[in-house]
């Protein structure tokens, strides 16, 4: 079995993503897919006291960085 590379090994985990916009935007969600075109992240959005899922594709050109949301002990 081939070793998964970063960020592919984070698929299914909560990640933090920084997106290039006029005002840099950071978000936390579950990494669903990684491919040559970009990443897919699922977010939980609260609206009218209800939780909704929103899935977003980010092309690599818009991704500043991506990292695990969990902090690992040394």
Protein backbone atom coordinates (compact mmCIF):
# COMPACT_ATOMS: atom_id res chain seq x y z
CA UNK A 1 0.00 0.00 0.00
CA UNK A 2 1.42 3.37 -1.01
CA UNK A 3 1.98 5.96 1.67
CA UNK A 4 -0.51 8.83 1.41
CA UNK A 5 0.99 12.26 1.01
CA UNK A 6 -0.14 15.49 2.64
CA UNK A 7 -2.89 16.73 2.20
CA UNK A 8 -4.39 13.45 0.90
CA UNK A 9 -3.75 11.74 4.24
CA UNK A 10 -6.03 14.33 5.89
CA UNK A 11 -9.11 13.26 3.87
CA UNK A 12 -11.94 12.68 6.35
CA UNK A 13 -10.31 14.90 9.00
CA UNK A 14 -11.16 18.41 10.13
CA UNK A 15 -8.84 20.92 8.47
CA UNK A 16 -8.31 24.66 8.51
CA UNK A 17 -8.09 26.31 5.09
CA UNK A 18 -6.92 29.80 4.16
CA UNK A 19 -8.44 31.07 0.92
CA UNK A 20 -7.11 33.91 -1.26
CA UNK A 21 -9.73 36.61 -1.57
CA UNK A 22 -9.64 40.41 -1.37
CA UNK A 23 -9.76 39.85 2.39
CA UNK A 24 -8.05 36.53 3.27
CA UNK A 25 -10.60 34.08 4.60
CA UNK A 26 -10.03 31.13 6.92
CA UNK A 27 -12.49 28.31 7.52
CA UNK A 28 -12.62 24.94 9.27
CA UNK A 29 -14.35 21.89 7.80
CA UNK A 30 -13.99 18.24 6.86
CA UNK A 31 -11.65 17.54 3.95
CA UNK A 32 -13.60 15.41 1.46
CA UNK A 33 -11.38 15.25 -1.63
CA UNK A 34 -7.97 16.27 -2.94
CA UNK A 35 -7.10 16.19 -6.65
CA UNK A 36 -4.99 17.99 -9.23
CA UNK A 37 -7.60 20.73 -9.59
CA UNK A 38 -8.05 21.56 -5.89
CA UNK A 39 -9.75 20.48 -2.68
CA UNK A 40 -13.32 19.83 -1.53
CA UNK A 41 -14.25 20.79 2.04
CA UNK A 42 -17.60 20.22 3.83
CA UNK A 43 -18.65 22.86 6.33
CA UNK A 44 -21.43 23.08 8.89
CA UNK A 45 -23.35 26.35 8.56
CA UNK A 46 -25.76 27.52 11.25
CA UNK A 47 -28.84 29.34 9.96
CA UNK A 48 -32.07 30.01 11.91
CA UNK A 49 -30.72 27.87 14.79
CA UNK A 50 -30.39 24.88 12.44
CA UNK A 51 -27.21 23.24 11.16
CA UNK A 52 -26.77 22.80 7.41
CA UNK A 53 -23.96 21.20 5.45
CA UNK A 54 -22.24 23.18 2.72
CA UNK A 55 -19.69 21.52 0.45
CA UNK A 56 -17.25 23.80 -1.36
CA UNK A 57 -14.64 23.19 -4.07
CA UNK A 58 -11.53 25.38 -3.85
CA UNK A 59 -9.17 25.46 -6.88
CA UNK A 60 -5.50 25.29 -5.91
CA UNK A 61 -5.02 28.86 -7.20
CA UNK A 62 -7.20 30.12 -4.32
CA UNK A 63 -5.68 28.03 -1.48
CA UNK A 64 -3.05 29.84 0.62
CA UNK A 65 -2.56 26.93 2.99
CA UNK A 66 -4.29 23.91 4.55
CA UNK A 67 -3.52 22.25 7.89
CA UNK A 68 -5.10 19.82 10.35
CA UNK A 69 -7.54 21.51 12.73
CA UNK A 70 -6.35 19.30 15.60
CA UNK A 71 -3.21 20.28 17.46
CA UNK A 72 -0.87 17.33 18.02
CA UNK A 73 1.17 17.04 21.22
CA UNK A 74 4.96 16.99 20.86
